[in-house]
Amino acid sequence: MKKIKLSSLKSKLPKYPNVLGRDRFFNSSILIPIVKYKGEYHLLFQKRAKHIRQGGDICFPGGGFDSTKDKNYKDTVYRELYEELGIEKKDIEIFGQLDSYFTSIGVIIEPFVGKIRKKSIKSMKIDKNEVEKVLLIPLKFFENTKAEVYTLKNQVVPYEIDENGEKIEYFPTKSLGLPKIYHEPWGNKDYKVWVYKWKNEVIWGITAFLIKEFLKKFR
């Protein structure tokens, strides 16, 4: 066995903490884009194409970090806005970043805040394979509208019963000798979901939460 050297341990600890096990999760970046339109500030959203994952949801532009294309998470924002909306880097001014958001579905989001030049909105080239349409919603709508709040329950499920009545075991809690509390679903923690309704559209979940956190910066 190698001799343990505390000096070696000290040198390998990060100077600044990050997210432990980050590489186990899906890492993504989004932009909360501010656009000045008809004399007032708006937030730009996109409605996801119906045939893709989470189709029909309204979200901020962005996507998954790609280590073969992106040097950092800000690069992801620039790349995704160009791929999805045809907006070039020169037309985006990034002001800064909100705190990293670790979602309940195993996704880590790096939320950036910035401004998009109005002229680039008129010349957008929307990728219809990913985006159904773009929405511009006045910022004052969110400032003046109280979101609806719902409480869901989050559980850890060690097994499920399939449609044939067969038990599918994901984690053998009994054979591992774990306490009985873990033999059945556990946790049952409250999970709040925020919802905004604008015209015929519903903005909810992660996007609504990011709006709520973004608005705090104006207070």
Protein backbone atom coordinates (compact mmCIF):
# COMPACT_ATOMS: atom_id res chain seq x y z
CA MET A 1 0.00 0.00 0.00
CA LYS A 2 1.30 3.43 -0.93
CA LYS A 3 2.14 5.73 1.93
CA ILE A 4 -0.48 8.41 2.43
CA LYS A 5 0.91 11.92 1.98
CA LEU A 6 -1.28 14.77 3.18
CA SER A 7 0.82 17.23 1.19
CA SER A 8 -0.23 15.43 -1.99
CA LEU A 9 -3.88 15.58 -0.92
CA LYS A 10 -3.68 19.33 -0.33
CA SER A 11 -2.25 19.95 -3.78
CA LYS A 12 -5.05 18.00 -5.46
CA LEU A 13 -7.97 19.74 -3.77
CA PRO A 14 -9.60 22.35 -6.04
CA LYS A 15 -8.85 26.00 -5.42
CA TYR A 16 -12.53 26.79 -5.90
CA PRO A 17 -15.34 24.27 -5.31
CA ASN A 18 -17.32 23.00 -8.29
CA VAL A 19 -20.06 20.35 -8.53
CA LEU A 20 -18.90 16.94 -7.29
CA GLY A 21 -19.62 14.27 -9.90
CA ARG A 22 -20.59 16.85 -12.52
CA ASP A 23 -19.63 14.46 -15.31
CA ARG A 24 -22.41 12.07 -14.20
CA PHE A 25 -25.07 14.59 -15.17
CA PHE A 26 -26.28 16.39 -18.29
CA ASN A 27 -24.60 19.81 -18.32
CA SER A 28 -26.27 22.64 -20.19
CA SER A 29 -26.30 26.41 -20.62
CA ILE A 30 -29.17 28.77 -21.34
CA LEU A 31 -29.46 32.48 -21.99
CA ILE A 32 -32.12 34.67 -20.41
CA PRO A 33 -32.27 37.05 -23.39
CA ILE A 34 -33.42 40.63 -22.98
CA VAL A 35 -34.66 42.41 -26.11
CA LYS A 36 -35.76 46.04 -26.38
CA TYR A 37 -38.84 46.05 -28.59
CA LYS A 38 -41.25 48.94 -29.20
CA GLY A 39 -39.61 50.96 -26.46
CA GLU A 40 -39.79 48.39 -23.67
CA TYR A 41 -37.81 45.38 -22.52
CA HIS A 42 -38.99 41.88 -23.35
CA LEU A 43 -37.75 38.38 -22.59
CA LEU A 44 -37.26 36.07 -25.55
CA PHE A 45 -38.47 32.48 -25.32
CA GLN A 46 -38.73 29.62 -27.76
CA LYS A 47 -41.42 26.97 -28.00
CA ARG A 48 -39.88 23.58 -28.62
CA ALA A 49 -40.91 21.65 -31.73
CA LYS A 50 -43.60 19.09 -30.92
CA HIS A 51 -41.69 16.04 -32.18
CA ILE A 52 -38.60 16.48 -29.96
CA ARG A 53 -37.99 15.73 -26.28
CA GLN A 54 -40.16 17.98 -24.07
CA GLY A 55 -41.93 19.10 -27.24
CA GLY A 56 -44.31 22.04 -26.88
CA ASP A 57 -42.60 23.37 -23.76
CA ILE A 58 -41.61 27.03 -23.63
CA CYS A 59 -38.02 27.62 -22.59
CA PHE A 60 -35.06 29.93 -22.89
CA PRO A 61 -32.67 29.27 -25.79
CA GLY A 62 -29.74 27.02 -24.97
CA GLY A 63 -28.72 23.40 -24.83
CA GLY A 64 -26.18 20.81 -23.84
CA PHE A 65 -22.49 21.50 -23.36
CA ASP A 66 -20.40 19.82 -26.07
CA SER A 67 -16.75 19.37 -25.13
CA THR A 68 -15.80 18.91 -28.80
CA LYS A 69 -17.20 22.34 -29.71
CA ASP A 70 -17.33 24.43 -26.52
CA LYS A 71 -14.39 25.67 -24.46
CA ASN A 72 -16.74 26.77 -21.67
CA TYR A 73 -20.42 27.12 -20.83
CA LYS A 74 -20.64 30.58 -22.35
CA ASP A 75 -19.54 29.09 -25.67
CA THR A 76 -22.50 26.72 -25.42
CA VAL A 77 -24.85 29.70 -25.29
CA TYR A 78 -23.33 31.31 -28.38
CA ARG A 79 -23.37 28.03 -30.32
CA GLU A 80 -26.93 27.08 -29.40
CA LEU A 81 -28.38 30.50 -30.21
CA TYR A 82 -26.77 30.36 -33.62
CA GLU A 83 -27.88 26.78 -34.31
CA GLU A 84 -31.46 27.24 -33.07
CA LEU A 85 -32.20 30.86 -34.00
CA GLY A 86 -29.44 31.98 -36.34
CA ILE A 87 -28.38 34.73 -33.91
CA GLU A 88 -24.66 35.44 -34.16
CA LYS A 89 -22.24 35.98 -31.28
CA LYS A 90 -21.67 39.62 -32.29
CA ASP A 91 -25.37 40.34 -31.69
CA ILE A 92 -25.33 38.97 -28.13
CA GLU A 93 -24.05 40.89 -25.11
CA ILE A 94 -23.75 38.65 -22.06
CA PHE A 95 -23.95 40.61 -18.79
CA GLY A 96 -23.11 37.76 -16.44
CA GLN A 97 -24.36 34.53 -14.95
CA LEU A 98 -26.85 33.46 -12.30
CA ASP A 99 -25.88 30.66 -9.91
CA SER A 100 -25.66 27.14 -11.33
CA TYR A 101 -28.96 25.29 -11.03
CA PHE A 102 -29.02 21.57 -10.21
CA THR A 103 -32.47 20.33 -11.22
CA SER A 104 -34.43 17.43 -9.76
CA ILE A 105 -34.19 15.57 -13.09
CA GLY A 106 -30.39 15.33 -13.04
CA VAL A 107 -29.58 18.31 -15.26
CA ILE A 108 -27.14 21.07 -14.29
CA ILE A 109 -27.99 24.40 -15.90
CA GLU A 110 -25.63 27.35 -16.23
CA PRO A 111 -27.99 30.34 -16.68
CA PHE A 112 -26.53 33.42 -18.37
CA VAL A 113 -28.20 36.81 -18.67
CA GLY A 114 -27.71 39.08 -21.64
CA LYS A 115 -29.09 41.36 -24.30
CA ILE A 116 -29.82 40.55 -27.93
CA ARG A 117 -29.68 43.30 -30.53
CA LYS A 118 -33.11 44.11 -31.91
CA LYS A 119 -31.95 43.99 -35.54
CA SER A 120 -30.95 40.34 -35.17
CA ILE A 121 -34.51 39.44 -34.12
CA LYS A 122 -35.83 40.57 -37.50
CA SER A 123 -33.34 38.38 -39.37
CA MET A 124 -33.61 35.23 -37.23
CA LYS A 125 -33.31 31.89 -38.99
CA ILE A 126 -35.32 29.53 -36.81
CA ASP A 127 -34.42 25.84 -36.99
CA LYS A 128 -37.90 24.33 -37.31
CA ASN A 129 -36.51 20.91 -36.43
CA GLU A 130 -35.99 22.19 -32.88
CA VAL A 131 -38.07 25.35 -32.48
CA GLU A 132 -41.76 25.79 -33.32
CA LYS A 133 -41.78 29.54 -32.74
CA VAL A 134 -40.24 32.42 -30.79
CA LEU A 135 -42.09 34.48 -28.19
CA LEU A 136 -41.34 38.00 -26.98
CA ILE A 137 -43.03 38.65 -23.64
CA PRO A 138 -42.81 42.06 -21.91
CA LEU A 139 -40.61 41.98 -18.83
CA LYS A 140 -43.22 44.03 -16.98
CA PHE A 141 -45.69 41.14 -17.39
CA PHE A 142 -43.53 38.99 -15.13
CA GLU A 143 -42.86 41.88 -12.74
CA ASN A 144 -46.61 42.46 -12.36
CA THR A 145 -47.81 38.84 -12.42
CA LYS A 146 -47.65 36.52 -9.45
CA ALA A 147 -46.81 33.00 -10.53
CA GLU A 148 -49.06 30.12 -9.55
CA VAL A 149 -47.26 27.69 -7.25
CA TYR A 150 -47.93 23.95 -7.00
CA THR A 151 -46.32 21.37 -4.74
CA LEU A 152 -45.36 17.97 -6.10
CA LYS A 153 -43.81 15.02 -4.28
CA ASN A 154 -40.37 13.64 -5.10
CA GLN A 155 -39.69 10.01 -4.22
CA VAL A 156 -36.82 7.57 -4.65
CA VAL A 157 -38.30 4.42 -6.20
CA PRO A 158 -36.24 1.20 -5.72
CA TYR A 159 -38.68 -0.87 -7.82
CA GLU A 160 -41.73 -0.62 -10.05
CA ILE A 161 -44.57 -2.92 -11.06
CA ASP A 162 -44.88 -3.14 -14.84
CA GLU A 163 -48.08 -3.41 -16.90
CA ASN A 164 -47.98 -7.20 -16.56
CA GLY A 165 -47.82 -7.06 -12.78
CA GLU A 166 -44.15 -8.04 -12.73
CA LYS A 167 -41.79 -6.37 -10.27
CA ILE A 168 -38.83 -4.56 -11.84
CA GLU A 169 -36.13 -4.08 -9.21
CA TYR A 170 -33.73 -1.17 -9.67
CA PHE A 171 -31.98 -1.33 -6.32
CA PRO A 172 -31.91 -4.60 -4.27
CA THR A 173 -32.43 -2.99 -0.88
CA LYS A 174 -33.55 -6.22 0.84
CA SER A 175 -30.68 -8.42 -0.34
CA LEU A 176 -28.21 -5.67 0.55
CA GLY A 177 -29.54 -5.76 4.10
CA LEU A 178 -30.55 -2.11 4.14
CA PRO A 179 -33.09 -0.89 6.74
CA LYS A 180 -36.77 -1.60 5.99
CA ILE A 181 -37.49 2.06 5.30
CA TYR A 182 -35.61 1.63 2.00
CA HIS A 183 -37.53 -1.46 0.89
CA GLU A 184 -40.36 0.78 -0.34
CA PRO A 185 -40.27 4.20 -2.09
CA TRP A 186 -38.80 6.80 0.25
CA GLY A 187 -38.14 10.50 0.42
CA ASN A 188 -41.52 12.00 -0.46
CA LYS A 189 -40.00 15.49 -0.39
CA ASP A 190 -41.96 18.55 -1.46
CA TYR A 191 -40.98 19.98 -4.84
CA LYS A 192 -42.42 23.35 -5.82
CA VAL A 193 -43.37 24.14 -9.40
CA TRP A 194 -44.00 27.71 -10.57
CA VAL A 195 -46.38 28.51 -13.45
CA TYR A 196 -46.95 31.66 -15.51
CA LYS A 197 -49.83 31.93 -18.00
CA TRP A 198 -49.43 34.35 -20.89
CA LYS A 199 -52.19 34.52 -23.49
CA ASN A 200 -52.63 30.90 -24.63
CA GLU A 201 -49.21 29.74 -23.45
CA VAL A 202 -48.05 28.17 -20.19
CA ILE A 203 -44.52 28.74 -18.88
CA TRP A 204 -43.70 26.37 -16.07
CA GLY A 205 -41.09 24.26 -14.30
CA ILE A 206 -37.41 25.08 -14.75
CA THR A 207 -38.08 28.09 -17.00
CA ALA A 208 -40.56 29.65 -14.58
CA PHE A 209 -38.12 29.08 -11.70
CA LEU A 210 -35.33 30.82 -13.64
CA ILE A 211 -37.65 33.77 -14.33
CA LYS A 212 -38.41 34.01 -10.62
CA GLU A 213 -34.71 34.02 -9.72
CA PHE A 214 -33.90 36.49 -12.49
CA LEU A 215 -36.53 38.95 -11.21
CA LYS A 216 -34.86 38.98 -7.78
CA LYS A 217 -31.92 40.84 -9.34
CA PHE A 218 -34.16 43.87 -9.88
CA ARG A 219 -35.16 44.12 -6.21
